[in-house]
Amino acid sequence: MSTTDEIITLVDKNNTVIGEVARHLMKFGEDYHRVTYILVFNTKGNLLIQKRTDNKAFCPGFYGVATGGVVETGESYIESAHRELKEEMGFDADLTSHGIFYTEGTGFKIWGKIYSCCYDESIHGSLVLQAKEVASVHEMSIDEVLNNDDQLSFTPDSLDALYHYAHKLTAPSPSDPE
């Protein structure tokens, strides 16, 4: 195993930790895991949407509605969210929790936790995008994303996170770990 390989927290269908696995050994679509979703709003109230690089394993070139990623072993949801925000966008901010939801689809079974924050360039400085993951950032309102008149391809899990956020449908897991 590579020393740079992420070690991912595995959970069961009830979001209880059951073990860990190296990312390259993970059976995406079969193994349940945790993911953080940070909805990054600008000072105008619009979302900062990330266009994913073409070399991503999951949904290359798609648009991600949220910043975030897989929770690594030893991390809480909140620790993962702060790490991902710094890695992908180059800043950190106060995060507001909006609960946990479950989503699954082709290639994923996820217990996700939704957070939001506000990005203000005058406070946080310029965005510093993670070149291997984020090709560009675009500003869109929640309605523009949900209506998708531009026919953009959004990652299905992040779009589901936005649906849960927008419709206040977050379902608590048996335990709501930070």
N, C-alpha and C. Protein backbone atom coordinates (compact mmCIF):
# COMPACT_ATOMS: atom_id res chain seq x y z
N MET A 1 0.84 -1.18 0.00
CA MET A 1 0.00 0.00 0.00
C MET A 1 0.88 1.24 0.00
N SER A 2 0.52 2.21 -0.81
CA SER A 2 1.24 3.48 -0.88
C SER A 2 1.07 4.25 0.42
N THR A 3 2.11 4.94 0.83
CA THR A 3 2.01 5.73 2.06
C THR A 3 1.11 6.94 1.87
N THR A 4 0.78 7.27 0.62
CA THR A 4 -0.10 8.40 0.37
C THR A 4 -1.55 7.97 0.13
N ASP A 5 -1.82 6.66 0.18
CA ASP A 5 -3.17 6.16 -0.04
C ASP A 5 -4.06 6.57 1.14
N GLU A 6 -5.21 7.15 0.83
CA GLU A 6 -6.15 7.51 1.87
C GLU A 6 -6.70 6.25 2.53
N ILE A 7 -6.91 6.32 3.83
CA ILE A 7 -7.57 5.25 4.57
C ILE A 7 -8.97 5.77 4.90
N ILE A 8 -9.98 5.09 4.37
CA ILE A 8 -11.35 5.54 4.45
C ILE A 8 -12.10 4.81 5.56
N THR A 9 -12.92 5.56 6.29
CA THR A 9 -13.77 4.99 7.32
C THR A 9 -14.93 4.25 6.66
N LEU A 10 -15.11 2.99 7.01
CA LEU A 10 -16.26 2.22 6.55
C LEU A 10 -17.33 2.23 7.63
N VAL A 11 -18.58 2.33 7.19
CA VAL A 11 -19.71 2.29 8.11
C VAL A 11 -20.70 1.25 7.60
N ASP A 12 -21.67 0.90 8.46
CA ASP A 12 -22.71 -0.03 8.03
C ASP A 12 -23.92 0.77 7.55
N LYS A 13 -25.01 0.06 7.24
CA LYS A 13 -26.20 0.72 6.70
C LYS A 13 -26.84 1.70 7.69
N ASN A 14 -26.43 1.64 8.97
CA ASN A 14 -26.94 2.55 9.99
C ASN A 14 -25.95 3.66 10.35
N ASN A 15 -24.87 3.77 9.58
CA ASN A 15 -23.83 4.79 9.78
C ASN A 15 -23.00 4.56 11.04
N THR A 16 -22.85 3.31 11.43
CA THR A 16 -22.00 2.95 12.56
C THR A 16 -20.65 2.49 11.99
N VAL A 17 -19.56 3.03 12.55
CA VAL A 17 -18.23 2.67 12.06
C VAL A 17 -17.99 1.18 12.25
N ILE A 18 -17.54 0.51 11.16
CA ILE A 18 -17.26 -0.93 11.23
C ILE A 18 -15.83 -1.27 10.84
N GLY A 19 -15.07 -0.27 10.36
CA GLY A 19 -13.69 -0.56 9.97
C GLY A 19 -13.13 0.52 9.09
N GLU A 20 -12.08 0.14 8.38
CA GLU A 20 -11.40 1.07 7.49
C GLU A 20 -10.83 0.30 6.32
N VAL A 21 -10.54 1.03 5.24
CA VAL A 21 -9.99 0.40 4.04
C VAL A 21 -9.17 1.43 3.28
N ALA A 22 -8.10 0.97 2.66
CA ALA A 22 -7.33 1.85 1.78
C ALA A 22 -8.21 2.21 0.59
N ARG A 23 -8.14 3.45 0.14
CA ARG A 23 -9.00 3.91 -0.95
C ARG A 23 -8.91 3.01 -2.18
N HIS A 24 -7.71 2.55 -2.52
CA HIS A 24 -7.58 1.74 -3.73
C HIS A 24 -8.21 0.35 -3.58
N LEU A 25 -8.52 -0.06 -2.36
CA LEU A 25 -9.18 -1.35 -2.12
C LEU A 25 -10.68 -1.20 -1.86
N MET A 26 -11.14 0.03 -1.78
CA MET A 26 -12.55 0.29 -1.49
C MET A 26 -13.43 -0.25 -2.61
N LYS A 27 -14.54 -0.86 -2.24
CA LYS A 27 -15.52 -1.35 -3.21
C LYS A 27 -16.64 -0.32 -3.28
N PHE A 28 -16.39 0.74 -4.08
CA PHE A 28 -17.38 1.79 -4.23
C PHE A 28 -18.64 1.19 -4.84
N GLY A 29 -19.78 1.55 -4.33
CA GLY A 29 -21.03 0.98 -4.77
C GLY A 29 -21.47 -0.19 -3.91
N GLU A 30 -20.53 -0.76 -3.16
CA GLU A 30 -20.85 -1.84 -2.23
C GLU A 30 -20.61 -1.41 -0.79
N ASP A 31 -19.45 -0.80 -0.53
CA ASP A 31 -19.10 -0.37 0.82
C ASP A 31 -19.78 0.96 1.15
N TYR A 32 -20.36 1.02 2.35
CA TYR A 32 -20.92 2.27 2.85
C TYR A 32 -19.77 3.10 3.41
N HIS A 33 -19.79 4.40 3.15
CA HIS A 33 -18.77 5.27 3.71
C HIS A 33 -19.35 6.65 3.96
N ARG A 34 -18.55 7.49 4.61
CA ARG A 34 -18.98 8.83 4.97
C ARG A 34 -18.34 9.87 4.06
N VAL A 35 -19.12 10.90 3.77
CA VAL A 35 -18.64 11.99 2.91
C VAL A 35 -19.15 13.31 3.49
N THR A 36 -18.34 14.34 3.37
CA THR A 36 -18.77 15.68 3.76
C THR A 36 -19.12 16.49 2.51
N TYR A 37 -20.11 17.35 2.64
CA TYR A 37 -20.56 18.24 1.58
C TYR A 37 -20.62 19.65 2.15
N ILE A 38 -19.79 20.55 1.64
CA ILE A 38 -19.79 21.93 2.11
C ILE A 38 -20.35 22.80 0.99
N LEU A 39 -21.52 23.37 1.22
CA LEU A 39 -22.11 24.30 0.28
C LEU A 39 -21.45 25.65 0.54
N VAL A 40 -20.67 26.12 -0.43
CA VAL A 40 -19.92 27.36 -0.28
C VAL A 40 -20.71 28.47 -0.98
N PHE A 41 -21.21 29.40 -0.18
CA PHE A 41 -21.95 30.54 -0.71
C PHE A 41 -21.04 31.76 -0.77
N ASN A 42 -21.25 32.62 -1.77
CA ASN A 42 -20.51 33.87 -1.79
C ASN A 42 -21.35 34.95 -1.10
N THR A 43 -20.85 36.16 -1.06
CA THR A 43 -21.54 37.23 -0.33
C THR A 43 -22.85 37.65 -0.99
N LYS A 44 -23.06 37.24 -2.25
CA LYS A 44 -24.33 37.52 -2.94
C LYS A 44 -25.35 36.41 -2.70
N GLY A 45 -24.95 35.35 -1.99
CA GLY A 45 -25.86 34.26 -1.70
C GLY A 45 -25.89 33.17 -2.76
N ASN A 46 -24.96 33.22 -3.71
CA ASN A 46 -24.87 32.20 -4.74
C ASN A 46 -23.87 31.12 -4.34
N LEU A 47 -24.08 29.92 -4.87
CA LEU A 47 -23.16 28.81 -4.62
C LEU A 47 -21.94 28.91 -5.51
N LEU A 48 -20.79 28.49 -4.97
CA LEU A 48 -19.58 28.33 -5.78
C LEU A 48 -19.53 26.86 -6.18
N ILE A 49 -19.78 26.60 -7.46
CA ILE A 49 -19.85 25.26 -8.02
C ILE A 49 -18.49 24.90 -8.61
N GLN A 50 -18.01 23.70 -8.34
CA GLN A 50 -16.70 23.27 -8.85
C GLN A 50 -16.85 22.39 -10.09
N LYS A 51 -16.12 22.74 -11.14
CA LYS A 51 -16.01 21.83 -12.28
C LYS A 51 -14.86 20.89 -11.95
N ARG A 52 -15.14 19.60 -11.96
CA ARG A 52 -14.15 18.59 -11.61
C ARG A 52 -13.17 18.39 -12.76
N THR A 53 -11.96 18.05 -12.43
CA THR A 53 -10.97 17.77 -13.47
C THR A 53 -11.36 16.50 -14.22
N ASP A 54 -10.82 16.36 -15.42
CA ASP A 54 -11.14 15.20 -16.26
C ASP A 54 -10.45 13.91 -15.81
N ASN A 55 -9.54 14.00 -14.83
CA ASN A 55 -8.85 12.79 -14.37
C ASN A 55 -9.45 12.22 -13.08
N LYS A 56 -10.56 12.77 -12.61
CA LYS A 56 -11.21 12.24 -11.41
C LYS A 56 -11.76 10.85 -11.71
N ALA A 57 -11.67 9.94 -10.75
CA ALA A 57 -12.19 8.59 -10.93
C ALA A 57 -13.71 8.58 -10.98
N PHE A 58 -14.35 9.41 -10.16
CA PHE A 58 -15.81 9.48 -10.08
C PHE A 58 -16.29 10.74 -10.78
N CYS A 59 -17.10 10.59 -11.78
CA CYS A 59 -17.73 11.70 -12.51
C CYS A 59 -16.72 12.74 -13.02
N PRO A 60 -15.74 12.32 -13.81
CA PRO A 60 -14.77 13.28 -14.34
C PRO A 60 -15.44 14.33 -15.22
N GLY A 61 -15.04 15.59 -15.02
CA GLY A 61 -15.57 16.69 -15.81
C GLY A 61 -16.95 17.17 -15.40
N PHE A 62 -17.57 16.51 -14.44
CA PHE A 62 -18.88 16.93 -13.95
C PHE A 62 -18.72 18.16 -13.05
N TYR A 63 -19.83 18.74 -12.68
CA TYR A 63 -19.85 19.86 -11.74
C TYR A 63 -20.24 19.34 -10.38
N GLY A 64 -19.47 19.74 -9.37
CA GLY A 64 -19.77 19.40 -7.99
C GLY A 64 -20.46 20.57 -7.33
N VAL A 65 -21.64 20.33 -6.80
CA VAL A 65 -22.42 21.38 -6.16
C VAL A 65 -21.76 21.81 -4.85
N ALA A 66 -21.03 20.90 -4.24
CA ALA A 66 -20.43 21.15 -2.93
C ALA A 66 -18.95 20.81 -2.95
N THR A 67 -18.22 21.49 -2.10
CA THR A 67 -16.84 21.10 -1.79
C THR A 67 -16.94 19.95 -0.80
N GLY A 68 -15.96 19.08 -0.77
CA GLY A 68 -16.01 18.02 0.22
C GLY A 68 -15.35 16.76 -0.26
N GLY A 69 -15.54 15.71 0.51
CA GLY A 69 -14.93 14.45 0.14
C GLY A 69 -15.12 13.39 1.20
N VAL A 70 -14.43 12.29 0.98
CA VAL A 70 -14.53 11.11 1.82
C VAL A 70 -13.90 11.38 3.19
N VAL A 71 -14.60 10.94 4.23
CA VAL A 71 -14.08 11.05 5.59
C VAL A 71 -13.02 9.97 5.78
N GLU A 72 -11.84 10.40 6.18
CA GLU A 72 -10.74 9.46 6.40
C GLU A 72 -10.78 8.90 7.81
N THR A 73 -10.14 7.76 8.00
CA THR A 73 -10.08 7.13 9.31
C THR A 73 -9.49 8.08 10.34
N GLY A 74 -10.13 8.13 11.49
CA GLY A 74 -9.67 8.99 12.58
C GLY A 74 -10.23 10.39 12.51
N GLU A 75 -10.95 10.71 11.46
CA GLU A 75 -11.53 12.05 11.32
C GLU A 75 -13.01 12.04 11.70
N SER A 76 -13.45 13.14 12.25
CA SER A 76 -14.88 13.37 12.41
C SER A 76 -15.38 14.02 11.12
N TYR A 77 -16.67 14.11 10.97
CA TYR A 77 -17.22 14.81 9.81
C TYR A 77 -16.69 16.25 9.75
N ILE A 78 -16.72 16.94 10.87
CA ILE A 78 -16.32 18.37 10.87
C ILE A 78 -14.84 18.52 10.53
N GLU A 79 -14.00 17.63 11.03
CA GLU A 79 -12.57 17.69 10.69
C GLU A 79 -12.36 17.45 9.20
N SER A 80 -13.08 16.50 8.65
CA SER A 80 -12.99 16.22 7.22
C SER A 80 -13.45 17.43 6.41
N ALA A 81 -14.53 18.05 6.83
CA ALA A 81 -15.06 19.21 6.10
C ALA A 81 -14.04 20.35 6.07
N HIS A 82 -13.45 20.65 7.20
CA HIS A 82 -12.43 21.73 7.23
C HIS A 82 -11.24 21.36 6.35
N ARG A 83 -10.78 20.11 6.43
CA ARG A 83 -9.64 19.67 5.61
C ARG A 83 -9.96 19.81 4.13
N GLU A 84 -11.12 19.32 3.72
CA GLU A 84 -11.50 19.37 2.31
C GLU A 84 -11.65 20.80 1.80
N LEU A 85 -12.22 21.67 2.60
CA LEU A 85 -12.39 23.07 2.21
C LEU A 85 -11.02 23.72 1.97
N LYS A 86 -10.08 23.46 2.86
CA LYS A 86 -8.72 24.02 2.69
C LYS A 86 -8.03 23.42 1.48
N GLU A 87 -8.16 22.09 1.29
CA GLU A 87 -7.49 21.42 0.17
C GLU A 87 -8.04 21.88 -1.18
N GLU A 88 -9.36 21.90 -1.31
CA GLU A 88 -9.97 22.15 -2.62
C GLU A 88 -10.09 23.62 -2.99
N MET A 89 -10.34 24.47 -1.98
CA MET A 89 -10.60 25.88 -2.27
C MET A 89 -9.55 26.83 -1.70
N GLY A 90 -8.71 26.33 -0.80
CA GLY A 90 -7.62 27.14 -0.28
C GLY A 90 -7.99 28.11 0.82
N PHE A 91 -9.11 27.88 1.49
CA PHE A 91 -9.46 28.73 2.63
C PHE A 91 -10.21 27.88 3.65
N ASP A 92 -10.37 28.42 4.86
CA ASP A 92 -11.16 27.78 5.88
C ASP A 92 -12.15 28.81 6.40
N ALA A 93 -13.26 28.35 6.95
CA ALA A 93 -14.30 29.26 7.44
C ALA A 93 -15.14 28.55 8.49
N ASP A 94 -15.93 29.32 9.21
CA ASP A 94 -16.89 28.74 10.13
C ASP A 94 -17.90 27.94 9.32
N LEU A 95 -18.23 26.75 9.80
CA LEU A 95 -19.17 25.89 9.10
C LEU A 95 -20.45 25.72 9.91
N THR A 96 -21.57 25.76 9.22
CA THR A 96 -22.88 25.51 9.83
C THR A 96 -23.34 24.13 9.40
N SER A 97 -23.73 23.30 10.37
CA SER A 97 -24.19 21.95 10.08
C SER A 97 -25.67 21.95 9.71
N HIS A 98 -26.00 21.13 8.70
CA HIS A 98 -27.39 21.00 8.26
C HIS A 98 -27.87 19.55 8.31
N GLY A 99 -27.14 18.70 9.00
CA GLY A 99 -27.60 17.34 9.23
C GLY A 99 -27.00 16.30 8.31
N ILE A 100 -27.42 15.09 8.55
CA ILE A 100 -26.91 13.91 7.85
C ILE A 100 -28.02 13.33 6.98
N PHE A 101 -27.63 12.80 5.83
CA PHE A 101 -28.58 12.15 4.94
C PHE A 101 -27.91 10.93 4.32
N TYR A 102 -28.72 10.05 3.77
CA TYR A 102 -28.20 8.88 3.08
C TYR A 102 -28.50 9.01 1.60
N THR A 103 -27.54 8.64 0.75
CA THR A 103 -27.75 8.63 -0.69
C THR A 103 -27.00 7.45 -1.29
N GLU A 104 -27.56 6.91 -2.34
CA GLU A 104 -26.84 5.84 -3.06
C GLU A 104 -27.19 5.93 -4.53
N GLY A 105 -26.29 5.40 -5.31
CA GLY A 105 -26.46 5.38 -6.76
C GLY A 105 -25.37 4.51 -7.35
N THR A 106 -25.20 4.60 -8.64
CA THR A 106 -24.17 3.81 -9.31
C THR A 106 -22.81 4.23 -8.79
N GLY A 107 -22.14 3.33 -8.09
CA GLY A 107 -20.80 3.59 -7.59
C GLY A 107 -20.71 4.24 -6.23
N PHE A 108 -21.84 4.39 -5.51
CA PHE A 108 -21.73 5.00 -4.18
C PHE A 108 -22.89 4.61 -3.26
N LYS A 109 -22.54 4.43 -1.97
CA LYS A 109 -23.47 4.27 -0.86
C LYS A 109 -22.91 5.15 0.25
N ILE A 110 -23.54 6.30 0.45
CA ILE A 110 -22.93 7.36 1.27
C ILE A 110 -23.85 7.83 2.38
N TRP A 111 -23.24 7.96 3.56
CA TRP A 111 -23.82 8.74 4.66
C TRP A 111 -23.11 10.09 4.61
N GLY A 112 -23.83 11.11 4.17
CA GLY A 112 -23.24 12.43 4.00
C GLY A 112 -23.69 13.40 5.06
N LYS A 113 -22.80 14.30 5.40
CA LYS A 113 -23.14 15.38 6.32
C LYS A 113 -22.98 16.69 5.57
N ILE A 114 -24.02 17.51 5.63
CA ILE A 114 -24.05 18.77 4.90
C ILE A 114 -23.65 19.92 5.83
N TYR A 115 -22.74 20.74 5.31
CA TYR A 115 -22.34 21.98 5.97
C TYR A 115 -22.48 23.11 4.97
N SER A 116 -22.50 24.33 5.48
CA SER A 116 -22.44 25.49 4.60
C SER A 116 -21.51 26.52 5.22
N CYS A 117 -21.01 27.39 4.34
CA CYS A 117 -20.17 28.50 4.79
C CYS A 117 -20.30 29.63 3.78
N CYS A 118 -19.79 30.78 4.17
CA CYS A 118 -19.78 31.93 3.28
C CYS A 118 -18.34 32.29 2.95
N TYR A 119 -18.07 32.40 1.66
CA TYR A 119 -16.75 32.82 1.19
C TYR A 119 -16.81 34.31 0.87
N ASP A 120 -15.91 35.06 1.48
CA ASP A 120 -15.80 36.50 1.23
C ASP A 120 -14.33 36.77 0.91
N GLU A 121 -14.06 37.13 -0.34
CA GLU A 121 -12.68 37.34 -0.78
C GLU A 121 -11.96 38.37 0.07
N SER A 122 -12.67 39.39 0.56
CA SER A 122 -12.02 40.43 1.37
C SER A 122 -11.56 39.88 2.73
N ILE A 123 -12.15 38.77 3.17
CA ILE A 123 -11.76 38.14 4.44
C ILE A 123 -10.83 36.95 4.21
N HIS A 124 -11.18 36.10 3.24
CA HIS A 124 -10.48 34.84 3.03
C HIS A 124 -9.37 34.89 1.99
N GLY A 125 -9.28 35.99 1.23
CA GLY A 125 -8.30 36.07 0.16
C GLY A 125 -8.81 35.35 -1.08
N SER A 126 -7.99 35.32 -2.10
CA SER A 126 -8.37 34.66 -3.35
C SER A 126 -8.45 33.15 -3.16
N LEU A 127 -9.34 32.53 -3.92
CA LEU A 127 -9.42 31.07 -3.91
C LEU A 127 -8.14 30.48 -4.47
N VAL A 128 -7.70 29.38 -3.87
CA VAL A 128 -6.55 28.63 -4.38
C VAL A 128 -7.07 27.21 -4.64
N LEU A 129 -7.36 26.92 -5.91
CA LEU A 129 -7.98 25.66 -6.28
C LEU A 129 -6.98 24.52 -6.30
N GLN A 130 -7.41 23.36 -5.86
CA GLN A 130 -6.58 22.15 -5.88
C GLN A 130 -6.53 21.66 -7.32
N ALA A 131 -5.39 21.85 -7.98
CA ALA A 131 -5.27 21.63 -9.42
C ALA A 131 -5.64 20.21 -9.86
N LYS A 132 -5.36 19.21 -9.03
CA LYS A 132 -5.65 17.83 -9.45
C LYS A 132 -7.12 17.47 -9.33
N GLU A 133 -7.91 18.30 -8.64
CA GLU A 133 -9.32 17.98 -8.44
C GLU A 133 -10.29 19.01 -8.99
N VAL A 134 -9.92 20.29 -8.96
CA VAL A 134 -10.84 21.37 -9.32
C VAL A 134 -10.33 22.11 -10.55
N ALA A 135 -11.06 21.99 -11.66
CA ALA A 135 -10.66 22.66 -12.90
C ALA A 135 -11.03 24.14 -12.89
N SER A 136 -12.20 24.47 -12.33
CA SER A 136 -12.66 25.86 -12.27
C SER A 136 -13.82 25.96 -11.29
N VAL A 137 -14.18 27.20 -10.96
CA VAL A 137 -15.29 27.47 -10.05
C VAL A 137 -16.25 28.41 -10.75
N HIS A 138 -17.55 28.13 -10.58
CA HIS A 138 -18.59 28.92 -11.22
C HIS A 138 -19.64 29.30 -10.19
N GLU A 139 -20.23 30.47 -10.37
CA GLU A 139 -21.24 30.98 -9.45
C GLU A 139 -22.63 30.66 -10.00
N MET A 140 -23.47 30.05 -9.17
CA MET A 140 -24.84 29.74 -9.56
C MET A 140 -25.75 29.85 -8.34
N SER A 141 -27.00 30.23 -8.58
CA SER A 141 -27.98 30.24 -7.49
C SER A 141 -28.47 28.81 -7.27
N ILE A 142 -29.06 28.57 -6.12
CA ILE A 142 -29.64 27.26 -5.84
C ILE A 142 -30.68 26.92 -6.91
N ASP A 143 -31.53 27.88 -7.25
CA ASP A 143 -32.57 27.64 -8.26
C ASP A 143 -31.97 27.27 -9.61
N GLU A 144 -30.89 27.94 -10.01
CA GLU A 144 -30.24 27.61 -11.28
C GLU A 144 -29.75 26.16 -11.29
N VAL A 145 -29.19 25.73 -10.18
CA VAL A 145 -28.70 24.35 -10.10
C VAL A 145 -29.87 23.38 -10.14
N LEU A 146 -30.89 23.63 -9.31
CA LEU A 146 -32.02 22.69 -9.22
C LEU A 146 -32.83 22.64 -10.52
N ASN A 147 -32.95 23.78 -11.21
CA ASN A 147 -33.68 23.80 -12.49
C ASN A 147 -32.82 23.30 -13.63
N ASN A 148 -31.51 23.50 -13.55
CA ASN A 148 -30.51 23.03 -14.51
C ASN A 148 -30.88 23.32 -15.97
N ASP A 149 -31.28 24.56 -16.22
CA ASP A 149 -31.62 24.96 -17.59
C ASP A 149 -30.44 24.86 -18.54
N ASP A 150 -29.23 24.94 -18.01
CA ASP A 150 -28.02 24.85 -18.84
C ASP A 150 -27.64 23.41 -19.17
N GLN A 151 -28.39 22.44 -18.64
CA GLN A 151 -28.14 21.01 -18.90
C GLN A 151 -26.73 20.58 -18.49
N LEU A 152 -26.26 21.09 -17.35
CA LEU A 152 -24.94 20.72 -16.85
C LEU A 152 -25.01 19.34 -16.20
N SER A 153 -23.90 18.63 -16.24
CA SER A 153 -23.81 17.32 -15.58
C SER A 153 -23.27 17.53 -14.17
N PHE A 154 -24.13 17.35 -13.18
CA PHE A 154 -23.74 17.48 -11.78
C PHE A 154 -23.47 16.10 -11.19
N THR A 155 -22.50 16.03 -10.27
CA THR A 155 -22.28 14.76 -9.58
C THR A 155 -23.58 14.43 -8.82
N PRO A 156 -24.07 13.19 -8.96
CA PRO A 156 -25.38 12.86 -8.38
C PRO A 156 -25.42 12.95 -6.86
N ASP A 157 -24.33 12.62 -6.19
CA ASP A 157 -24.34 12.67 -4.73
C ASP A 157 -24.38 14.11 -4.22
N SER A 158 -23.61 15.01 -4.86
CA SER A 158 -23.62 16.41 -4.39
C SER A 158 -24.94 17.08 -4.73
N LEU A 159 -25.55 16.71 -5.85
CA LEU A 159 -26.86 17.25 -6.20
C LEU A 159 -27.90 16.78 -5.19
N ASP A 160 -27.79 15.53 -4.76
CA ASP A 160 -28.69 15.02 -3.74
C ASP A 160 -28.50 15.77 -2.42
N ALA A 161 -27.27 16.10 -2.08
CA ALA A 161 -27.01 16.89 -0.87
C ALA A 161 -27.72 18.24 -0.96
N LEU A 162 -27.67 18.88 -2.13
CA LEU A 162 -28.34 20.17 -2.30
C LEU A 162 -29.85 20.01 -2.20
N TYR A 163 -30.41 18.94 -2.78
CA TYR A 163 -31.85 18.70 -2.64
C TYR A 163 -32.24 18.59 -1.17
N HIS A 164 -31.44 17.84 -0.41
CA HIS A 164 -31.73 17.70 1.03
C HIS A 164 -31.63 19.04 1.73
N TYR A 165 -30.63 19.81 1.42
CA TYR A 165 -30.46 21.13 2.03
C TYR A 165 -31.63 22.04 1.65
N ALA A 166 -31.94 22.11 0.37
CA ALA A 166 -32.97 23.03 -0.13
C ALA A 166 -34.37 22.65 0.36
N HIS A 167 -34.60 21.36 0.53
CA HIS A 167 -35.94 20.91 0.92
C HIS A 167 -36.03 20.50 2.39
N LYS A 168 -34.97 20.73 3.12
CA LYS A 168 -34.93 20.44 4.56
C LYS A 168 -35.37 19.01 4.85
N LEU A 169 -34.89 18.07 4.00
CA LEU A 169 -35.28 16.67 4.15
C LEU A 169 -34.22 15.84 4.84
N THR A 170 -33.25 16.47 5.49
CA THR A 170 -32.19 15.70 6.10
C THR A 170 -32.75 14.76 7.16
N ALA A 171 -32.35 13.54 7.07
CA ALA A 171 -32.79 12.53 8.02
C ALA A 171 -31.64 12.22 8.97
N PRO A 172 -31.86 12.38 10.25
CA PRO A 172 -30.76 12.08 11.18
C PRO A 172 -30.44 10.60 11.18
N SER A 173 -29.17 10.31 11.32
CA SER A 173 -28.78 8.92 11.47
C SER A 173 -29.05 8.54 12.92
N PRO A 174 -28.95 7.25 13.25
CA PRO A 174 -29.17 6.85 14.64
C PRO A 174 -28.29 7.64 15.60
N SER A 175 -27.12 8.04 15.14
CA SER A 175 -26.29 8.96 15.91
C SER A 175 -25.79 9.99 14.93
N ASP A 176 -25.68 11.23 15.36
CA ASP A 176 -25.27 12.31 14.49
C ASP A 176 -23.87 12.76 14.88
N PRO A 177 -22.85 11.98 14.52
CA PRO A 177 -21.48 12.32 14.94
C PRO A 177 -21.00 13.57 14.24
N GLU A 178 -20.21 14.34 14.93
CA GLU A 178 -19.59 15.51 14.31
C GLU A 178 -18.49 15.01 13.44
